[in-house]
Amino acid sequence: MLNAIVLAAGEGKRMKSRRPKVLQTIGGRPMLRHLIESLDALETEQILVVTGSGAEQVEASLEDSGCRFIRQAERLGTGHAVMQALPKVPDDARVLILPGDMPLIRPETLKSLLDSQADLALLSFMADDPTGYGRILRDAQGRVLAIREQRDASADELSVNEVNSGVMCARAGDLSRWLDQISDDNAQGEYYLTDCIAIAAGEGRRVDAVVAPDAEELMGANDRAQLARLEAVFQNRARQALMAQGVTLADPSRVIVRGRINCGQDVFIDADVLLQGDVTLGDNVQIGQGCVLGNCSLASGTQLAPYTVIESASTTGACTVGPFARLRPGTELAEGVKIGNFVEVKNARFERGAKASHLSYVGDARVGEGANLGAGTITCNYDGVNKHRTRIGKDAFVGSNTALVAPVEIGDGATIGAGSVITQSAPADALTVARARQRSFKAWKRPEKKDN
């Protein structure tokens, strides 16, 4: 039976933020969320999250996660934090302890630690610059004797480059007994969880340090610079994952991923593209330069011209969008639809083959199969208080610079003359024109500029 304790009580002062450190984002999501997802893959019995600074924010961020929360009223170190959670864990259960600011750790790495048969096992890594990390101290036979924190280390100990990641596993009953023996007699005046290593070793218990093959996945972040380094690693991973799915990235370093991306084969993504939220791209989808996609699903064969912005919208068949188009929430485009440059669509469905090619706003509408909206077509959907719908029939043609004042219906095959303001339903298969009669005034003279 495996239980996990996540240490998420730290304030993270060096972040200089009103948000707790573990809620700083990597790839568009809180660091703590990434870690919880890795733990979920281990099928833990329960995940206990120790909160302190910003506890309400942290707990709210995991409201739907199934985690249990333990408040650490006084933050007296990592050992003290674990002491708060252990009473919730059966003595015979294995406990996996992790820092909450470790978003890149993979389930496979955690499984390698859990495979250890040691009484106490911890994850270590070889650091090019070990500054700030606790050093792993071994005897001549390579057995782990202790971990020495940076501020308490001697000159010889500071030269060690195998360091502690903060991830540890042991039986709950053993941990409770060892934690009862630690003290706060150190430079920080805190109860170090790592002091359990020396106590266990002194009892003759087996202590192992499993060296992780990839040090990057064990990195944490205490300031914005370290957060940026984590982001860089995450982005590289995400791009590699996209290419493994069969995606061509024109310039991998210029694609940003902030969510979960699911792609088919032969997808092409040009430079300066941002993908965020849950994004699904079907086979042969083509994404032009500078596009921004958020929480959307694009059917196979969809093509986005450069600088298109899509948010919570979908295509259900191959269609073309952009350049400089915007699809807002609730938009749905069927096969063969064309949304052109500087067209904005919100909460509207375009049926098969419908077009809005230039400079239009279509909101709260249904556009029938084969309908064509001319440049400058506007659905006036908002009366200042309520939203109203516009219905445009099959094969209707709406002339340029037309305002459709909702609620209104344009019949199948109807034609609307350019420059019309339509306030009543237009019948099918008829021409409807609603504009003032043109007049010319021959005696009119243009005003002249007056001298001051």
Protein backbone atom coordinates (compact mmCIF):
# COMPACT_ATOMS: atom_id res chain seq x y z
CA MET A 1 0.00 0.00 0.00
CA LEU A 2 1.57 3.27 -1.16
CA ASN A 3 0.81 6.67 0.32
CA ALA A 4 2.33 9.94 -0.89
CA ILE A 5 3.10 13.06 1.10
CA VAL A 6 3.66 16.23 -0.92
CA LEU A 7 5.38 19.12 0.85
CA ALA A 8 3.64 22.27 -0.41
CA ALA A 9 3.76 24.62 2.57
CA GLY A 10 6.61 26.89 1.42
CA GLU A 11 6.04 30.53 0.67
CA GLY A 12 8.71 30.94 -1.98
CA LYS A 13 9.74 34.47 -1.00
CA ARG A 14 12.28 34.73 -3.80
CA MET A 15 9.48 34.37 -6.35
CA LYS A 16 8.19 37.76 -5.16
CA SER A 17 4.62 36.71 -5.87
CA ARG A 18 1.24 36.68 -4.15
CA ARG A 19 0.89 33.08 -5.32
CA PRO A 20 2.53 30.26 -3.35
CA LYS A 21 5.61 28.79 -4.98
CA VAL A 22 3.97 25.48 -5.93
CA LEU A 23 1.28 27.35 -7.90
CA GLN A 24 3.78 29.06 -10.21
CA THR A 25 3.13 27.69 -13.67
CA ILE A 26 5.12 25.47 -15.98
CA GLY A 27 3.61 24.79 -19.38
CA GLY A 28 0.54 26.80 -18.43
CA ARG A 29 -0.31 24.75 -15.33
CA PRO A 30 0.79 24.93 -11.67
CA MET A 31 3.93 23.01 -10.81
CA LEU A 32 1.99 21.13 -8.15
CA ARG A 33 -0.56 19.91 -10.73
CA HIS A 34 2.18 18.32 -12.84
CA LEU A 35 3.51 16.49 -9.79
CA ILE A 36 0.07 15.22 -8.73
CA GLU A 37 -0.49 13.80 -12.23
CA SER A 38 2.77 11.84 -11.99
CA LEU A 39 1.65 10.46 -8.62
CA ASP A 40 -1.75 9.51 -10.02
CA ALA A 41 0.05 7.23 -12.49
CA LEU A 42 1.43 5.26 -9.50
CA GLU A 43 -2.04 4.32 -8.21
CA THR A 44 -1.40 5.63 -4.71
CA GLU A 45 -3.79 4.81 -1.88
CA GLN A 46 -3.92 8.47 -0.92
CA ILE A 47 -2.04 11.69 -1.59
CA LEU A 48 -1.57 13.95 1.40
CA VAL A 49 -0.62 17.54 0.59
CA VAL A 50 0.93 19.53 3.42
CA THR A 51 -0.05 23.19 3.04
CA GLY A 52 1.00 26.31 4.89
CA SER A 53 1.66 29.61 3.18
CA GLY A 54 -1.25 30.39 0.88
CA ALA A 55 -2.99 27.20 1.99
CA GLU A 56 -6.40 28.32 0.72
CA GLN A 57 -5.03 28.96 -2.77
CA VAL A 58 -3.18 25.65 -2.88
CA GLU A 59 -6.15 23.64 -1.68
CA ALA A 60 -8.52 25.39 -4.09
CA SER A 61 -6.20 24.57 -7.00
CA LEU A 62 -6.49 20.84 -6.18
CA GLU A 63 -10.17 20.84 -5.30
CA ASP A 64 -10.99 18.21 -7.93
CA SER A 65 -7.87 16.08 -7.43
CA GLY A 66 -8.96 13.78 -4.62
CA CYS A 67 -5.99 14.85 -2.48
CA ARG A 68 -6.25 15.24 1.29
CA PHE A 69 -4.84 18.36 2.91
CA ILE A 70 -2.83 18.76 6.09
CA ARG A 71 -2.18 22.26 7.45
CA GLN A 72 1.29 23.00 8.83
CA ALA A 73 0.50 25.89 11.16
CA GLU A 74 4.16 26.49 12.03
CA ARG A 75 6.69 25.93 9.29
CA LEU A 76 9.58 24.37 11.18
CA GLY A 77 11.21 22.41 8.37
CA THR A 78 10.62 19.40 6.16
CA GLY A 79 10.79 16.92 9.03
CA HIS A 80 8.15 18.86 10.93
CA ALA A 81 5.94 18.95 7.82
CA VAL A 82 6.07 15.16 7.45
CA MET A 83 5.28 14.77 11.16
CA GLN A 84 1.96 16.56 10.55
CA ALA A 85 0.90 14.09 7.86
CA LEU A 86 2.14 10.74 9.19
CA PRO A 87 -0.73 10.23 11.70
CA LYS A 88 -3.00 9.86 8.63
CA VAL A 89 -0.90 6.97 7.27
CA PRO A 90 -0.97 3.35 8.54
CA ASP A 91 2.34 2.31 10.09
CA ASP A 92 2.80 -0.58 7.66
CA ALA A 93 2.24 1.55 4.56
CA ARG A 94 5.07 2.71 2.33
CA VAL A 95 5.34 6.49 2.18
CA LEU A 96 6.67 8.42 -0.79
CA ILE A 97 7.66 11.97 0.16
CA LEU A 98 8.17 14.66 -2.48
CA PRO A 99 8.63 18.45 -2.65
CA GLY A 100 5.71 20.22 -4.31
CA ASP A 101 7.90 22.21 -6.71
CA MET A 102 9.11 19.24 -8.79
CA PRO A 103 6.91 19.41 -11.91
CA LEU A 104 9.15 17.49 -14.32
CA ILE A 105 9.54 14.19 -12.49
CA ARG A 106 8.32 11.20 -14.48
CA PRO A 107 6.29 8.29 -13.08
CA GLU A 108 8.97 5.94 -14.42
CA THR A 109 11.61 7.59 -12.26
CA LEU A 110 9.43 7.31 -9.18
CA LYS A 111 8.83 3.63 -9.97
CA SER A 112 12.58 3.04 -10.08
CA LEU A 113 12.81 4.42 -6.55
CA LEU A 114 9.90 2.29 -5.37
CA ASP A 115 11.59 -0.81 -6.79
CA SER A 116 14.36 -0.40 -4.20
CA GLN A 117 14.27 -2.97 -1.41
CA ALA A 118 16.02 -0.62 1.02
CA ASP A 119 14.49 0.34 4.38
CA LEU A 120 14.92 3.94 3.32
CA ALA A 121 15.41 4.92 -0.32
CA LEU A 122 15.94 8.35 -1.79
CA LEU A 123 16.43 9.85 -5.22
CA SER A 124 19.72 11.57 -5.89
CA PHE A 125 21.33 13.11 -8.94
CA MET A 126 24.71 14.30 -10.05
CA ALA A 127 24.78 18.10 -10.14
CA ASP A 128 27.20 20.16 -12.20
CA ASP A 129 26.67 22.88 -9.61
CA PRO A 130 25.54 21.38 -6.29
CA THR A 131 25.16 24.76 -4.58
CA GLY A 132 22.08 24.84 -2.36
CA TYR A 133 21.50 21.07 -2.33
CA GLY A 134 22.04 18.58 0.47
CA ARG A 135 25.10 16.41 -0.24
CA ILE A 136 24.87 12.60 -0.25
CA LEU A 137 27.57 11.22 2.07
CA ARG A 138 28.68 7.61 1.44
CA ASP A 139 31.19 5.33 3.10
CA ALA A 140 34.08 3.59 1.34
CA GLN A 141 31.74 0.79 0.21
CA GLY A 142 29.33 3.32 -1.32
CA ARG A 143 26.66 2.92 1.35
CA VAL A 144 24.68 6.06 2.22
CA LEU A 145 25.57 7.38 5.66
CA ALA A 146 23.87 10.78 5.78
CA ILE A 147 22.79 13.90 3.93
CA ARG A 148 24.48 17.15 4.84
CA GLU A 149 22.63 20.37 4.12
CA GLN A 150 24.59 23.17 2.45
CA ARG A 151 24.78 25.43 5.50
CA ASP A 152 25.98 22.63 7.76
CA ALA A 153 28.50 21.03 5.39
CA SER A 154 32.27 21.05 5.79
CA ALA A 155 34.60 22.09 2.98
CA ASP A 156 35.18 18.44 1.98
CA GLU A 157 31.44 17.71 2.04
CA LEU A 158 30.72 20.73 -0.12
CA SER A 159 32.90 19.22 -2.85
CA VAL A 160 30.48 16.27 -3.25
CA ASN A 161 28.35 16.60 -6.37
CA GLU A 162 25.86 13.82 -5.69
CA VAL A 163 22.93 15.64 -4.15
CA ASN A 164 19.54 14.95 -2.61
CA SER A 165 16.44 15.62 -4.71
CA GLY A 166 14.08 15.70 -1.73
CA VAL A 167 12.27 12.51 -2.81
CA MET A 168 12.29 9.74 -0.23
CA CYS A 169 10.50 6.44 0.46
CA ALA A 170 10.19 4.38 3.66
CA ARG A 171 7.68 2.62 5.90
CA ALA A 172 5.48 5.03 7.86
CA GLY A 173 6.21 3.39 11.19
CA ASP A 174 9.97 3.65 10.65
CA LEU A 175 9.69 7.28 9.60
CA SER A 176 7.69 8.16 12.71
CA ARG A 177 10.33 6.61 14.97
CA TRP A 178 13.21 8.31 13.17
CA LEU A 179 11.48 11.69 13.14
CA ASP A 180 10.99 11.45 16.91
CA GLN A 181 14.79 11.45 17.22
CA ILE A 182 15.69 14.48 15.09
CA SER A 183 16.34 17.95 16.51
CA ASP A 184 16.48 21.51 15.26
CA ASP A 185 20.13 21.97 16.31
CA ASN A 186 21.37 23.23 12.96
CA ALA A 187 22.09 26.48 11.11
CA GLN A 188 18.45 26.90 10.07
CA GLY A 189 16.91 25.96 13.41
CA GLU A 190 14.61 23.53 11.60
CA TYR A 191 13.74 19.84 11.73
CA TYR A 192 15.36 18.33 8.66
CA LEU A 193 13.71 15.28 7.14
CA THR A 194 17.13 14.33 5.82
CA ASP A 195 18.39 13.73 9.36
CA CYS A 196 16.47 10.44 9.20
CA ILE A 197 19.17 9.11 6.87
CA ALA A 198 21.91 9.13 9.50
CA ILE A 199 19.57 7.71 12.15
CA ALA A 200 18.51 4.83 9.89
CA ALA A 201 22.10 4.12 8.89
CA GLY A 202 23.14 4.17 12.59
CA GLU A 203 20.55 1.47 13.27
CA GLY A 204 22.17 -0.67 10.60
CA ARG A 205 19.18 -0.30 8.33
CA ARG A 206 19.70 -0.39 4.60
CA VAL A 207 19.73 3.06 3.03
CA ASP A 208 19.95 3.44 -0.75
CA ALA A 209 20.29 6.48 -2.98
CA VAL A 210 18.95 5.76 -6.44
CA VAL A 211 20.73 8.04 -8.90
CA ALA A 212 18.26 9.42 -11.41
CA PRO A 213 19.45 9.18 -15.04
CA ASP A 214 18.12 12.64 -15.91
CA ALA A 215 18.94 15.36 -13.40
CA GLU A 216 16.68 17.86 -15.15
CA GLU A 217 13.49 16.11 -14.07
CA LEU A 218 14.42 16.53 -10.40
CA MET A 219 14.94 20.27 -10.61
CA GLY A 220 12.85 22.58 -8.44
CA ALA A 221 12.43 26.33 -8.54
CA ASN A 222 13.01 28.90 -5.81
CA ASP A 223 13.09 32.01 -7.99
CA ARG A 224 12.00 33.25 -11.41
CA ALA A 225 15.29 32.33 -13.08
CA GLN A 226 15.01 28.71 -11.92
CA LEU A 227 11.35 28.71 -12.98
CA ALA A 228 12.44 29.78 -16.46
CA ARG A 229 14.90 26.88 -16.60
CA LEU A 230 12.13 24.45 -15.72
CA GLU A 231 9.95 25.96 -18.44
CA ALA A 232 12.71 25.48 -21.00
CA VAL A 233 13.03 21.79 -20.11
CA PHE A 234 9.26 21.33 -20.22
CA GLN A 235 9.00 22.99 -23.63
CA ASN A 236 11.75 20.82 -25.08
CA ARG A 237 9.98 17.71 -23.80
CA ALA A 238 6.64 18.87 -25.20
CA ARG A 239 8.10 19.56 -28.64
CA GLN A 240 9.78 16.18 -28.72
CA ALA A 241 6.46 14.56 -27.80
CA LEU A 242 4.71 16.38 -30.66
CA MET A 243 7.28 15.26 -33.18
CA ALA A 244 6.99 11.70 -31.87
CA GLN A 245 3.27 11.86 -32.68
CA GLY A 246 4.09 12.66 -36.31
CA VAL A 247 4.03 16.46 -36.19
CA THR A 248 6.38 18.56 -38.30
CA LEU A 249 7.58 21.66 -36.46
CA ALA A 250 9.04 24.20 -38.87
CA ASP A 251 11.19 25.61 -36.07
CA PRO A 252 10.79 23.61 -32.82
CA SER A 253 12.33 26.33 -30.66
CA ARG A 254 9.56 28.73 -31.72
CA VAL A 255 6.56 26.60 -30.77
CA ILE A 256 5.16 27.04 -27.24
CA VAL A 257 3.07 24.36 -25.54
CA ARG A 258 0.94 25.14 -22.49
CA GLY A 259 -1.44 22.23 -22.23
CA ARG A 260 -2.26 18.74 -23.47
CA ILE A 261 -1.88 18.33 -27.21
CA ASN A 262 -3.16 15.32 -29.16
CA CYS A 263 -2.16 15.20 -32.83
CA GLY A 264 -2.75 12.92 -35.80
CA GLN A 265 -0.29 12.17 -38.57
CA ASP A 266 1.31 14.67 -40.94
CA VAL A 267 0.37 17.73 -38.93
CA PHE A 268 2.42 20.81 -39.78
CA ILE A 269 3.01 23.65 -37.30
CA ASP A 270 4.86 26.75 -38.41
CA ALA A 271 6.95 29.07 -36.25
CA ASP A 272 5.68 31.28 -33.40
CA VAL A 273 2.63 29.11 -32.70
CA LEU A 274 1.15 28.92 -29.16
CA LEU A 275 -0.83 25.83 -28.12
CA GLN A 276 -2.64 26.03 -24.79
CA GLY A 277 -5.24 24.01 -22.91
CA ASP A 278 -6.63 20.86 -24.47
CA VAL A 279 -5.91 20.89 -28.20
CA THR A 280 -6.70 18.13 -30.69
CA LEU A 281 -5.34 18.31 -34.24
CA GLY A 282 -6.49 15.74 -36.79
CA ASP A 283 -4.44 14.27 -39.62
CA ASN A 284 -2.97 16.74 -42.12
CA VAL A 285 -3.91 19.84 -40.13
CA GLN A 286 -1.79 22.80 -41.20
CA ILE A 287 -1.09 25.61 -38.71
CA GLY A 288 0.36 28.82 -40.13
CA GLN A 289 2.86 31.13 -38.49
CA GLY A 290 1.84 33.08 -35.41
CA CYS A 291 -1.40 31.19 -34.68
CA VAL A 292 -2.74 30.92 -31.12
CA LEU A 293 -4.84 27.83 -30.32
CA GLY A 294 -6.58 27.25 -27.00
CA ASN A 295 -8.93 24.42 -26.00
CA CYS A 296 -9.93 23.57 -29.54
CA SER A 297 -10.40 20.60 -31.83
CA LEU A 298 -9.53 20.82 -35.52
CA ALA A 299 -10.71 18.11 -37.89
CA SER A 300 -8.43 16.41 -40.39
CA GLY A 301 -7.41 18.66 -43.26
CA THR A 302 -8.19 21.96 -41.54
CA GLN A 303 -5.85 24.76 -42.56
CA LEU A 304 -5.15 27.85 -40.47
CA ALA A 305 -3.53 30.76 -42.29
CA PRO A 306 -1.05 32.89 -40.29
CA TYR A 307 -2.02 34.80 -37.16
CA THR A 308 -5.36 33.10 -36.57
CA VAL A 309 -6.58 32.97 -32.96
CA ILE A 310 -8.87 30.13 -31.85
CA GLU A 311 -10.40 29.75 -28.38
CA SER A 312 -12.79 26.95 -27.38
CA ALA A 313 -13.91 26.34 -30.96
CA SER A 314 -13.94 23.35 -33.29
CA THR A 315 -14.03 22.24 -36.89
CA THR A 316 -15.89 19.07 -37.84
CA GLY A 317 -14.49 18.81 -41.35
CA ALA A 318 -11.64 20.16 -43.44
CA CYS A 319 -11.98 23.93 -43.78
CA THR A 320 -9.82 27.05 -44.05
CA VAL A 321 -9.49 29.84 -41.53
CA GLY A 322 -7.56 33.11 -41.66
CA PRO A 323 -5.25 34.88 -41.96
CA PHE A 324 -5.90 37.21 -39.02
CA ALA A 325 -9.19 35.50 -38.14
CA ARG A 326 -10.57 34.91 -34.65
CA LEU A 327 -12.79 32.01 -33.59
CA ARG A 328 -14.25 32.57 -30.15
CA PRO A 329 -15.96 30.11 -27.77
CA GLY A 330 -18.87 28.15 -29.15
CA THR A 331 -17.81 28.36 -32.79
CA GLU A 332 -18.27 25.23 -34.91
CA LEU A 333 -17.26 24.98 -38.55
CA ALA A 334 -18.37 22.16 -40.86
CA GLU A 335 -16.51 20.77 -43.85
CA GLY A 336 -15.63 23.20 -46.61
CA VAL A 337 -16.25 26.34 -44.57
CA LYS A 338 -14.10 29.36 -45.27
CA ILE A 339 -13.47 32.02 -42.64
CA GLY A 340 -11.27 34.71 -44.13
CA ASN A 341 -9.09 37.58 -43.05
CA PHE A 342 -10.25 39.80 -40.19
CA VAL A 343 -13.39 37.76 -39.57
CA GLU A 344 -14.51 37.17 -35.97
CA VAL A 345 -16.93 34.36 -35.12
CA LYS A 346 -18.48 33.72 -31.70
CA ASN A 347 -21.00 31.08 -30.62
CA ALA A 348 -21.98 30.36 -34.20
CA ARG A 349 -22.20 27.32 -36.45
CA PHE A 350 -21.27 27.46 -40.13
CA GLU A 351 -22.76 24.60 -42.12
CA ARG A 352 -20.98 22.82 -44.95
CA GLY A 353 -19.46 25.16 -47.53
CA ALA A 354 -20.58 28.42 -45.89
CA LYS A 355 -18.26 31.42 -46.26
CA ALA A 356 -17.41 34.66 -44.52
CA SER A 357 -14.33 35.77 -46.41
CA HIS A 358 -13.61 39.32 -45.29
CA LEU A 359 -13.95 41.78 -42.43
CA SER A 360 -17.06 40.45 -40.69
CA TYR A 361 -18.45 39.69 -37.24
CA VAL A 362 -20.77 36.70 -36.85
CA GLY A 363 -22.02 36.07 -33.32
CA ASP A 364 -24.85 33.93 -31.92
CA ALA A 365 -25.77 32.69 -35.37
CA ARG A 366 -26.36 29.69 -37.58
CA VAL A 367 -25.13 30.05 -41.16
CA GLY A 368 -26.68 27.59 -43.57
CA GLU A 369 -24.96 25.31 -46.06
CA GLY A 370 -23.40 27.18 -48.95
CA ALA A 371 -24.33 30.63 -47.61
CA ASN A 372 -21.99 33.51 -48.47
CA LEU A 373 -21.52 36.54 -46.23
CA GLY A 374 -20.03 39.56 -47.98
CA ALA A 375 -17.32 41.81 -46.57
CA GLY A 376 -18.44 43.87 -43.62
CA THR A 377 -21.39 41.66 -42.65
CA ILE A 378 -22.31 42.14 -39.01
CA THR A 379 -24.76 40.19 -36.87
CA CYS A 380 -26.05 42.72 -34.33
CA ASN A 381 -26.61 40.15 -31.61
CA TYR A 382 -26.57 42.31 -28.46
CA ASP A 383 -29.23 44.84 -27.56
CA GLY A 384 -27.34 46.16 -24.56
CA VAL A 385 -28.91 43.66 -22.18
CA ASN A 386 -29.59 40.35 -23.94
CA LYS A 387 -28.06 38.30 -26.76
CA HIS A 388 -30.21 37.29 -29.74
CA ARG A 389 -29.69 34.80 -32.55
CA THR A 390 -29.47 35.21 -36.30
CA ARG A 391 -30.42 32.39 -38.68
CA ILE A 392 -29.11 32.48 -42.23
CA GLY A 393 -30.54 29.92 -44.60
CA LYS A 394 -28.99 27.53 -47.10
CA ASP A 395 -27.38 29.20 -50.13
CA ALA A 396 -28.28 32.68 -48.89
CA PHE A 397 -26.17 35.59 -50.15
CA VAL A 398 -25.60 38.58 -47.88
CA GLY A 399 -24.17 41.64 -49.62
CA SER A 400 -21.26 43.65 -48.30
CA ASN A 401 -21.66 46.08 -45.42
CA THR A 402 -24.90 44.54 -44.19
CA ALA A 403 -26.13 44.66 -40.59
CA LEU A 404 -28.41 41.82 -39.50
CA VAL A 405 -30.24 43.02 -36.38
CA ALA A 406 -31.08 39.95 -34.30
CA PRO A 407 -33.37 38.21 -33.72
CA VAL A 408 -33.76 37.83 -37.45
CA GLU A 409 -33.96 35.04 -40.04
CA ILE A 410 -32.69 35.06 -43.62
CA GLY A 411 -34.49 32.47 -45.74
CA ASP A 412 -32.96 29.78 -47.95
CA GLY A 413 -31.65 31.22 -51.19
CA ALA A 414 -32.36 34.80 -50.07
CA THR A 415 -30.24 37.69 -51.35
CA ILE A 416 -29.60 40.75 -49.20
CA GLY A 417 -28.56 43.91 -51.03
CA ALA A 418 -25.28 45.50 -50.02
CA GLY A 419 -25.46 48.17 -47.36
CA SER A 420 -28.77 46.93 -45.92
CA VAL A 421 -29.85 47.06 -42.29
CA ILE A 422 -32.12 44.05 -41.86
CA THR A 423 -34.50 44.22 -38.90
CA GLN A 424 -37.18 41.81 -40.12
CA SER A 425 -37.01 38.31 -41.54
CA ALA A 426 -36.08 38.16 -45.23
CA PRO A 427 -38.06 35.64 -47.36
CA ALA A 428 -36.47 32.75 -49.19
CA ASP A 429 -35.43 33.11 -52.84
CA ALA A 430 -36.06 36.87 -52.90
CA LEU A 431 -33.97 40.04 -52.98
CA THR A 432 -34.31 42.16 -49.84
CA VAL A 433 -32.91 45.68 -49.71
CA ALA A 434 -33.14 47.94 -46.66
CA ARG A 435 -31.29 51.23 -47.16
CA ALA A 436 -32.04 54.92 -47.66
CA ARG A 437 -32.60 56.19 -51.20
CA GLN A 438 -29.53 57.86 -52.70
CA ARG A 439 -29.78 61.59 -53.24
CA SER A 440 -27.37 64.19 -54.75
CA PHE A 441 -27.36 67.95 -54.00
CA LYS A 442 -25.85 69.91 -56.89
CA ALA A 443 -25.91 73.28 -55.09
CA TRP A 444 -23.91 71.94 -52.13
CA LYS A 445 -20.49 73.48 -51.57
CA ARG A 446 -17.67 71.95 -49.64
CA PRO A 447 -16.77 73.94 -46.51
CA GLU A 448 -13.59 76.00 -46.59
CA LYS A 449 -10.96 76.17 -43.90
CA LYS A 450 -11.10 79.42 -41.94
CA ASP A 451 -8.02 81.32 -40.86
CA ASN A 452 -7.57 81.61 -37.11
